[in-house]
Amino acid sequence: MKDNRREFIKKGTALAALSLAGISCHEAYVKRTAENDDIHSVERSKSPLVEPYMKIAYQASPEPSEDDIRFIQQMGIDQVVLWTNAQKSSYEYYDSRRKLFAEAGINVFGFGNRNVHNQDVIVLNLPGRDAKIEEYKNHLRNLGKAGITYTTYAHMANGIWSTASETTRGGARARSFDLGNAVAGTSIGRRYEGPLTHGREYTKHELWENYEYFIKAVAPVAETENVRIGIHPDDPPVPELGGVPRCIFSNFDGYKRALEIADSPNVGMCLCVGCWLEGGPLMGKNVIETIKYFGKKKKIFKVHLRNVNQPLPHFTETFLDDGYADVYKILKALKEVDFDGVLIPDHIPRMVGSYTGSAFSIGYMKGLVERVIAEG
């Protein structure tokens, strides 16, 4: 896969450079010769864009500085996704953020609320479940009233598990996970320590029953409010952590069953490519097969683009061009199913400088997206 990527890089340098200069990935096409497939020119298309097409979004602060706004504009990005917490999760706040970004020519594609995300009371049916579900419904109602039509949700009872960070290319620090050394998960300021994070072992049956209770309660509200819920995979997607099975959103068959239970056009996937690569063979289907199946059913609403050096039991996150997966092939598969949601760079290794990691990742993504769109 890396050999294919290196060959593309030789051909795609001009595209990536244009991307960083702010040229729209949907305005260019590549003219090639049959003899050697070299790039001879990149010309502006005079034709208007025709849906569907995939877009790139930036995960931004809901209270951006002037530099934040300029950075998004300079990258040529016109989509953002935002997150907040319970203290600000209201119609008034969502609407004010939509208007703030709209003034800069930027669309708020989605808005998440951390206080109704990765909630153990929902996943494990703990005291307060119905109140938390009602809070989630109100989140959906507030989004719908504000005209924001997407939100990401994750269904993990004991958070994201990581071990000590490690280094990737050039000494950049990056998140890692080593199953043999895993002791705790974290989410929204909470720490969940094993071996039993909630005092006992839970069964798969309990997890499925609790999921069905939740999704049957919120899906009708999502439909009424015209808000789509993209469900994020478990991270990492191992069979069990801390006594809690990860049986629903940690593999292909689990997602298939879960979306069939929801039986709603407004419930689908936030496909985290990184999580799928972490799982490797444990996922049941590889990421390309997964895109083809769920993409054809229009169940992929948003994509987190991330690469890792290898699958479980021990992985380190990498730069997009430095992991074991070929990102071009992933984007090609998304284009083939007419994916029209957004892609965001995810869990970027820490580079020197405050904006450099995002700029590198989005520039690389824009070059690849231009290529797959140009190829038709």
Protein backbone atom coordinates (compact mmCIF):
# COMPACT_ATOMS: atom_id res chain seq x y z
CA MET A 1 0.00 0.00 0.00
CA LYS A 2 2.81 2.40 0.81
CA ASP A 3 4.34 1.85 -2.66
CA ASN A 4 1.05 2.93 -4.25
CA ARG A 5 0.94 5.97 -2.00
CA ARG A 6 4.52 6.98 -2.89
CA GLU A 7 3.66 6.72 -6.61
CA PHE A 8 0.68 9.00 -6.08
CA ILE A 9 2.75 11.50 -4.13
CA LYS A 10 5.07 11.87 -7.14
CA LYS A 11 2.03 12.69 -9.27
CA GLY A 12 0.06 14.65 -6.72
CA THR A 13 2.49 17.25 -5.38
CA ALA A 14 0.95 19.96 -7.54
CA LEU A 15 -2.54 19.14 -6.30
CA ALA A 16 -1.55 19.23 -2.65
CA ALA A 17 0.24 22.53 -3.15
CA LEU A 18 -2.85 23.99 -4.77
CA SER A 19 -4.94 22.65 -1.90
CA LEU A 20 -2.87 24.49 0.67
CA ALA A 21 -3.13 27.60 -1.46
CA GLY A 22 -6.90 27.43 -1.10
CA ILE A 23 -8.00 26.07 -4.48
CA SER A 24 -11.32 24.22 -4.12
CA CYS A 25 -11.00 20.46 -4.51
CA HIS A 26 -14.22 20.52 -6.52
CA GLU A 27 -13.08 23.11 -9.05
CA ALA A 28 -10.12 21.28 -10.54
CA TYR A 29 -9.69 18.34 -12.83
CA VAL A 30 -6.57 16.50 -13.92
CA LYS A 31 -5.70 16.06 -17.58
CA ARG A 32 -3.56 12.98 -18.24
CA THR A 33 -1.94 11.35 -21.28
CA ALA A 34 -2.59 7.73 -22.14
CA GLU A 35 1.13 7.09 -22.60
CA ASN A 36 2.48 7.75 -19.12
CA ASP A 37 -0.44 9.07 -16.99
CA ASP A 38 1.64 12.13 -16.00
CA ILE A 39 -0.11 15.30 -14.87
CA HIS A 40 0.21 17.91 -17.63
CA SER A 41 -2.16 20.58 -16.41
CA VAL A 42 -4.60 21.46 -13.72
CA GLU A 43 -7.40 23.67 -15.00
CA ARG A 44 -10.30 25.44 -13.37
CA SER A 45 -13.67 23.89 -14.11
CA LYS A 46 -16.25 26.47 -15.16
CA SER A 47 -19.15 24.09 -14.43
CA PRO A 48 -21.10 24.35 -11.17
CA LEU A 49 -20.78 21.55 -8.67
CA VAL A 50 -23.29 18.76 -8.87
CA GLU A 51 -24.30 16.80 -5.78
CA PRO A 52 -23.35 14.39 -4.37
CA TYR A 53 -19.76 15.10 -3.48
CA MET A 54 -17.72 14.60 -0.33
CA LYS A 55 -16.58 17.60 1.66
CA ILE A 56 -13.76 18.24 4.12
CA ALA A 57 -14.56 19.78 7.49
CA TYR A 58 -12.47 21.19 10.31
CA GLN A 59 -13.24 20.30 13.93
CA ALA A 60 -13.29 23.79 15.35
CA SER A 61 -13.84 25.52 18.65
CA PRO A 62 -17.43 26.83 18.99
CA GLU A 63 -15.86 30.06 20.21
CA PRO A 64 -13.18 30.67 17.59
CA SER A 65 -10.62 33.43 17.62
CA GLU A 66 -10.11 35.64 14.58
CA ASP A 67 -7.03 33.58 13.76
CA ASP A 68 -9.08 30.39 13.94
CA ILE A 69 -11.53 31.75 11.39
CA ARG A 70 -8.74 32.96 9.10
CA PHE A 71 -7.02 29.59 9.32
CA ILE A 72 -10.19 27.76 8.24
CA GLN A 73 -10.69 30.20 5.36
CA GLN A 74 -7.04 30.02 4.28
CA MET A 75 -7.28 26.23 4.07
CA GLY A 76 -10.24 26.63 1.70
CA ILE A 77 -12.59 24.85 4.10
CA ASP A 78 -16.25 25.85 4.34
CA GLN A 79 -17.51 23.19 6.77
CA VAL A 80 -16.94 22.79 10.51
CA VAL A 81 -18.06 20.42 13.23
CA LEU A 82 -18.36 21.69 16.81
CA TRP A 83 -18.70 20.30 20.34
CA THR A 84 -19.95 21.79 23.59
CA ASN A 85 -21.24 20.65 27.00
CA ALA A 86 -24.43 20.77 29.04
CA GLN A 87 -23.87 24.32 30.26
CA LYS A 88 -24.17 25.68 26.70
CA SER A 89 -26.28 23.07 24.92
CA SER A 90 -29.31 25.20 24.08
CA TYR A 91 -31.10 26.33 20.95
CA GLU A 92 -29.83 29.88 21.51
CA TYR A 93 -26.21 28.76 21.71
CA TYR A 94 -26.40 26.42 18.71
CA ASP A 95 -28.10 29.07 16.63
CA SER A 96 -25.60 31.76 17.65
CA ARG A 97 -22.71 29.53 16.59
CA ARG A 98 -24.34 28.75 13.27
CA LYS A 99 -24.75 32.46 12.58
CA LEU A 100 -21.22 33.31 13.73
CA PHE A 101 -19.62 30.85 11.30
CA ALA A 102 -22.09 31.69 8.52
CA GLU A 103 -20.89 35.29 8.61
CA ALA A 104 -17.46 33.95 7.64
CA GLY A 105 -18.88 31.79 4.85
CA ILE A 106 -18.60 28.57 6.87
CA ASN A 107 -21.37 26.02 7.43
CA VAL A 108 -21.79 24.24 10.76
CA PHE A 109 -22.25 20.67 9.49
CA GLY A 110 -22.69 19.12 12.92
CA PHE A 111 -22.74 19.88 16.62
CA GLY A 112 -22.07 17.44 19.46
CA ASN A 113 -22.89 17.66 23.16
CA ARG A 114 -20.37 15.84 25.34
CA ASN A 115 -22.84 15.47 28.20
CA VAL A 116 -25.01 13.10 26.18
CA HIS A 117 -22.08 11.28 24.55
CA ASN A 118 -20.41 8.11 25.92
CA GLN A 119 -22.81 7.98 28.85
CA ASP A 120 -22.54 4.93 31.09
CA VAL A 121 -26.00 5.57 32.54
CA ILE A 122 -27.45 4.97 29.04
CA VAL A 123 -25.20 2.10 27.98
CA LEU A 124 -25.50 0.18 31.28
CA ASN A 125 -28.99 1.24 32.43
CA LEU A 126 -27.76 2.96 35.57
CA PRO A 127 -29.88 5.26 37.77
CA GLY A 128 -30.81 8.40 35.86
CA ARG A 129 -31.03 6.73 32.43
CA ASP A 130 -34.41 8.15 31.43
CA ALA A 131 -33.39 11.66 32.47
CA LYS A 132 -30.21 11.41 30.39
CA ILE A 133 -32.17 10.13 27.40
CA GLU A 134 -34.54 13.07 27.74
CA GLU A 135 -31.50 15.35 27.78
CA TYR A 136 -30.38 13.75 24.52
CA LYS A 137 -33.81 14.31 22.99
CA ASN A 138 -33.62 17.98 23.95
CA HIS A 139 -30.19 18.16 22.30
CA LEU A 140 -31.78 16.90 19.08
CA ARG A 141 -34.70 19.33 19.38
CA ASN A 142 -32.36 22.27 19.91
CA LEU A 143 -30.25 21.29 16.91
CA GLY A 144 -33.30 20.94 14.70
CA LYS A 145 -34.66 24.31 15.75
CA ALA A 146 -31.26 25.89 15.01
CA GLY A 147 -31.14 24.30 11.54
CA ILE A 148 -28.15 22.06 12.29
CA THR A 149 -28.82 18.63 10.84
CA TYR A 150 -26.13 16.30 12.18
CA THR A 151 -24.66 15.14 15.51
CA THR A 152 -22.12 12.46 16.45
CA TYR A 153 -22.90 9.98 19.21
CA ALA A 154 -20.71 7.27 20.81
CA HIS A 155 -22.06 4.41 22.91
CA MET A 156 -19.12 3.47 25.17
CA ALA A 157 -19.76 2.87 28.87
CA ASN A 158 -16.18 3.33 30.05
CA GLY A 159 -14.60 5.70 27.59
CA ILE A 160 -11.67 5.62 25.20
CA TRP A 161 -8.77 3.50 26.41
CA SER A 162 -5.16 4.44 25.71
CA THR A 163 -1.76 3.63 27.09
CA ALA A 164 1.36 5.82 27.23
CA SER A 165 1.79 7.96 24.12
CA GLU A 166 4.50 6.92 21.69
CA THR A 167 6.31 8.60 18.83
CA THR A 168 5.64 8.40 15.14
CA ARG A 169 7.47 9.99 12.20
CA GLY A 170 9.92 12.72 13.15
CA GLY A 171 9.38 12.19 16.86
CA ALA A 172 5.78 13.46 16.82
CA ARG A 173 3.88 12.30 19.90
CA ALA A 174 0.83 10.19 19.17
CA ARG A 175 -1.82 8.22 20.99
CA SER A 176 -1.12 4.52 21.46
CA PHE A 177 -2.89 1.50 22.88
CA ASP A 178 -1.24 -1.69 24.13
CA LEU A 179 -3.83 -4.24 25.25
CA GLY A 180 -1.32 -5.90 27.56
CA ASN A 181 -0.82 -2.67 29.53
CA ALA A 182 -4.33 -1.19 29.43
CA VAL A 183 -5.68 -0.21 32.85
CA ALA A 184 -8.24 2.58 32.34
CA GLY A 185 -10.46 4.48 29.96
CA THR A 186 -11.32 8.18 29.98
CA SER A 187 -14.23 10.25 28.71
CA ILE A 188 -15.34 13.83 29.40
CA GLY A 189 -13.08 14.25 32.40
CA ARG A 190 -13.96 10.88 33.93
CA ARG A 191 -11.56 8.00 34.46
CA TYR A 192 -12.78 4.41 34.38
CA GLU A 193 -10.29 1.99 35.96
CA GLY A 194 -10.36 -1.78 35.53
CA PRO A 195 -10.48 -4.67 35.98
CA LEU A 196 -14.23 -4.00 36.55
CA THR A 197 -14.98 -0.35 35.85
CA HIS A 198 -18.58 -0.62 37.09
CA GLY A 199 -18.27 -3.18 39.84
CA ARG A 200 -19.36 -6.26 37.91
CA GLU A 201 -19.32 -7.98 34.55
CA TYR A 202 -22.09 -7.09 32.12
CA THR A 203 -23.53 -9.43 29.48
CA LYS A 204 -23.88 -8.86 25.76
CA HIS A 205 -27.63 -9.33 26.14
CA GLU A 206 -27.78 -6.44 28.61
CA LEU A 207 -25.82 -4.19 26.26
CA TRP A 208 -28.08 -4.94 23.31
CA GLU A 209 -31.23 -4.50 25.38
CA ASN A 210 -30.04 -1.12 26.68
CA TYR A 211 -29.05 0.06 23.21
CA GLU A 212 -32.46 -0.83 21.79
CA TYR A 213 -34.19 1.05 24.60
CA PHE A 214 -32.11 4.16 23.85
CA ILE A 215 -32.28 4.17 20.07
CA LYS A 216 -36.02 3.47 19.93
CA ALA A 217 -36.54 6.47 22.21
CA VAL A 218 -34.40 8.97 20.30
CA ALA A 219 -34.76 7.96 16.63
CA PRO A 220 -38.33 9.31 16.28
CA VAL A 221 -37.19 12.67 17.67
CA ALA A 222 -34.27 12.74 15.22
CA GLU A 223 -36.68 12.12 12.36
CA THR A 224 -39.11 14.80 13.52
CA GLU A 225 -36.31 17.34 13.92
CA ASN A 226 -34.50 16.36 10.68
CA VAL A 227 -31.26 15.62 12.55
CA ARG A 228 -29.06 12.67 11.61
CA ILE A 229 -27.23 10.72 14.33
CA GLY A 230 -23.87 9.28 13.28
CA ILE A 231 -22.74 6.58 15.71
CA HIS A 232 -18.97 6.37 16.29
CA PRO A 233 -17.20 3.02 16.73
CA ASP A 234 -15.90 1.82 20.08
CA ASP A 235 -12.29 2.92 20.57
CA PRO A 236 -10.43 0.63 20.76
CA PRO A 237 -12.75 -2.02 19.27
CA VAL A 238 -11.79 -4.94 21.50
CA PRO A 239 -14.36 -7.55 22.63
CA GLU A 240 -14.41 -6.39 26.28
CA LEU A 241 -12.83 -3.78 28.54
CA GLY A 242 -13.33 -3.33 32.27
CA GLY A 243 -16.03 -5.98 32.44
CA VAL A 244 -18.15 -4.30 29.73
CA PRO A 245 -18.59 -6.05 26.34
CA ARG A 246 -17.90 -3.94 23.27
CA CYS A 247 -20.20 -6.05 21.16
CA ILE A 248 -22.29 -3.47 19.29
CA PHE A 249 -20.10 -0.82 17.70
CA SER A 250 -16.82 -2.74 17.55
CA ASN A 251 -17.40 -4.79 14.40
CA PHE A 252 -19.27 -4.96 11.11
CA ASP A 253 -21.97 -7.39 12.23
CA GLY A 254 -22.68 -5.33 15.35
CA TYR A 255 -23.21 -2.17 13.30
CA LYS A 256 -25.41 -4.02 10.83
CA ARG A 257 -27.66 -5.34 13.61
CA ALA A 258 -27.71 -2.01 15.46
CA LEU A 259 -28.78 0.00 12.42
CA GLU A 260 -31.43 -2.59 11.58
CA ILE A 261 -32.80 -2.25 15.13
CA ALA A 262 -32.88 1.55 14.77
CA ASP A 263 -34.67 1.17 11.42
CA SER A 264 -34.44 4.90 10.82
CA PRO A 265 -33.12 6.99 7.92
CA ASN A 266 -31.74 9.37 10.57
CA VAL A 267 -29.53 6.83 12.34
CA GLY A 268 -26.27 5.83 10.67
CA MET A 269 -22.50 5.81 11.03
CA CYS A 270 -19.81 8.23 11.94
CA LEU A 271 -17.26 5.96 10.31
CA CYS A 272 -13.98 6.33 12.17
CA VAL A 273 -11.46 4.86 9.76
CA GLY A 274 -8.87 4.84 12.54
CA CYS A 275 -10.99 2.62 14.79
CA TRP A 276 -11.67 0.26 11.90
CA LEU A 277 -7.94 0.02 11.21
CA GLU A 278 -7.24 -0.51 14.90
CA GLY A 279 -9.55 -3.51 14.92
CA GLY A 280 -8.21 -5.06 11.74
CA PRO A 281 -9.46 -8.67 11.42
CA LEU A 282 -11.60 -8.28 14.57
CA MET A 283 -13.95 -6.00 12.62
CA GLY A 284 -15.21 -8.84 10.42
CA LYS A 285 -14.99 -6.73 7.25
CA ASN A 286 -12.19 -4.38 6.22
CA VAL A 287 -12.81 -0.66 5.85
CA ILE A 288 -13.32 -0.82 2.06
CA GLU A 289 -15.91 -3.59 2.38
CA THR A 290 -17.60 -1.65 5.16
CA ILE A 291 -17.80 1.50 3.04
CA LYS A 292 -19.27 -0.42 0.12
CA TYR A 293 -21.97 -2.05 2.25
CA PHE A 294 -23.07 0.88 4.43
CA GLY A 295 -22.29 3.53 1.83
CA LYS A 296 -24.63 1.98 -0.72
CA LYS A 297 -27.34 2.10 1.94
CA LYS A 298 -26.59 5.80 2.58
CA LYS A 299 -25.75 5.04 6.19
CA ILE A 300 -22.36 6.81 6.34
CA PHE A 301 -22.99 10.39 7.44
CA LYS A 302 -19.50 11.51 8.49
CA VAL A 303 -15.97 10.07 8.30
CA HIS A 304 -13.09 10.47 10.76
CA LEU A 305 -9.93 10.02 8.71
CA ARG A 306 -7.07 8.54 10.72
CA ASN A 307 -4.28 6.01 10.11
CA VAL A 308 -2.45 3.65 12.47
CA ASN A 309 0.79 1.70 12.18
CA GLN A 310 -0.79 -1.73 12.72
CA PRO A 311 -3.92 -3.40 14.14
CA LEU A 312 -4.53 -4.57 17.70
CA PRO A 313 -3.29 -5.68 20.16
CA HIS A 314 -0.81 -2.76 20.05
CA PHE A 315 -1.12 0.22 17.73
CA THR A 316 0.12 3.80 17.46
CA GLU A 317 -1.71 6.48 15.53
CA THR A 318 0.22 7.97 12.63
CA PHE A 319 0.11 10.70 10.03
CA LEU A 320 -2.32 9.93 7.22
CA ASP A 321 0.47 9.08 4.79
CA ASP A 322 2.45 6.95 7.22
CA GLY A 323 0.14 4.16 8.43
CA TYR A 324 -0.60 0.72 7.11
CA ALA A 325 -3.71 1.74 5.12
CA ASP A 326 -3.81 3.47 1.74
CA VAL A 327 -5.99 6.53 2.33
CA TYR A 328 -6.44 7.10 -1.41
CA LYS A 329 -8.17 3.73 -1.75
CA ILE A 330 -10.46 4.58 1.16
CA LEU A 331 -11.47 7.90 -0.42
CA LYS A 332 -11.92 6.18 -3.78
CA ALA A 333 -14.35 3.73 -2.16
CA LEU A 334 -16.28 6.65 -0.61
CA LYS A 335 -16.52 8.34 -4.00
CA GLU A 336 -17.81 5.14 -5.59
CA VAL A 337 -20.76 5.05 -3.16
CA ASP A 338 -21.45 8.77 -3.70
CA PHE A 339 -20.59 9.72 -0.14
CA ASP A 340 -21.75 13.32 0.33
CA GLY A 341 -21.02 13.92 4.01
CA VAL A 342 -17.88 15.38 5.53
CA LEU A 343 -14.41 14.06 6.25
CA ILE A 344 -12.42 15.37 9.20
CA PRO A 345 -8.81 14.69 10.19
CA ASP A 346 -8.82 12.87 13.52
CA HIS A 347 -6.33 12.36 16.38
CA ILE A 348 -3.53 14.16 14.57
CA PRO A 349 0.00 13.46 15.92
CA ARG A 350 1.41 16.51 17.67
CA MET A 351 3.58 18.47 15.27
CA VAL A 352 5.64 21.60 15.96
CA GLY A 353 3.38 24.67 15.93
CA SER A 354 -0.26 25.21 16.80
CA TYR A 355 -1.89 24.78 13.38
CA THR A 356 0.66 22.64 11.56
CA GLY A 357 -0.86 19.22 12.21
CA SER A 358 -4.27 20.27 10.94
CA ALA A 359 -2.77 22.10 7.95
CA PHE A 360 -0.69 19.08 6.95
CA SER A 361 -3.58 16.65 7.33
CA ILE A 362 -6.14 18.76 5.49
CA GLY A 363 -3.70 19.62 2.70
CA TYR A 364 -3.01 15.92 2.21
CA MET A 365 -6.73 15.12 2.30
CA LYS A 366 -7.55 17.85 -0.22
CA GLY A 367 -4.97 16.54 -2.67
CA LEU A 368 -6.41 13.03 -2.45
CA VAL A 369 -10.02 14.20 -2.68
CA GLU A 370 -9.20 16.25 -5.78
CA ARG A 371 -7.73 13.16 -7.35
CA VAL A 372 -10.69 10.86 -6.72
CA ILE A 373 -13.19 13.51 -7.83
CA ALA A 374 -11.19 14.18 -10.99
CA GLU A 375 -11.14 10.50 -11.81
CA GLY A 376 -14.93 10.43 -11.69
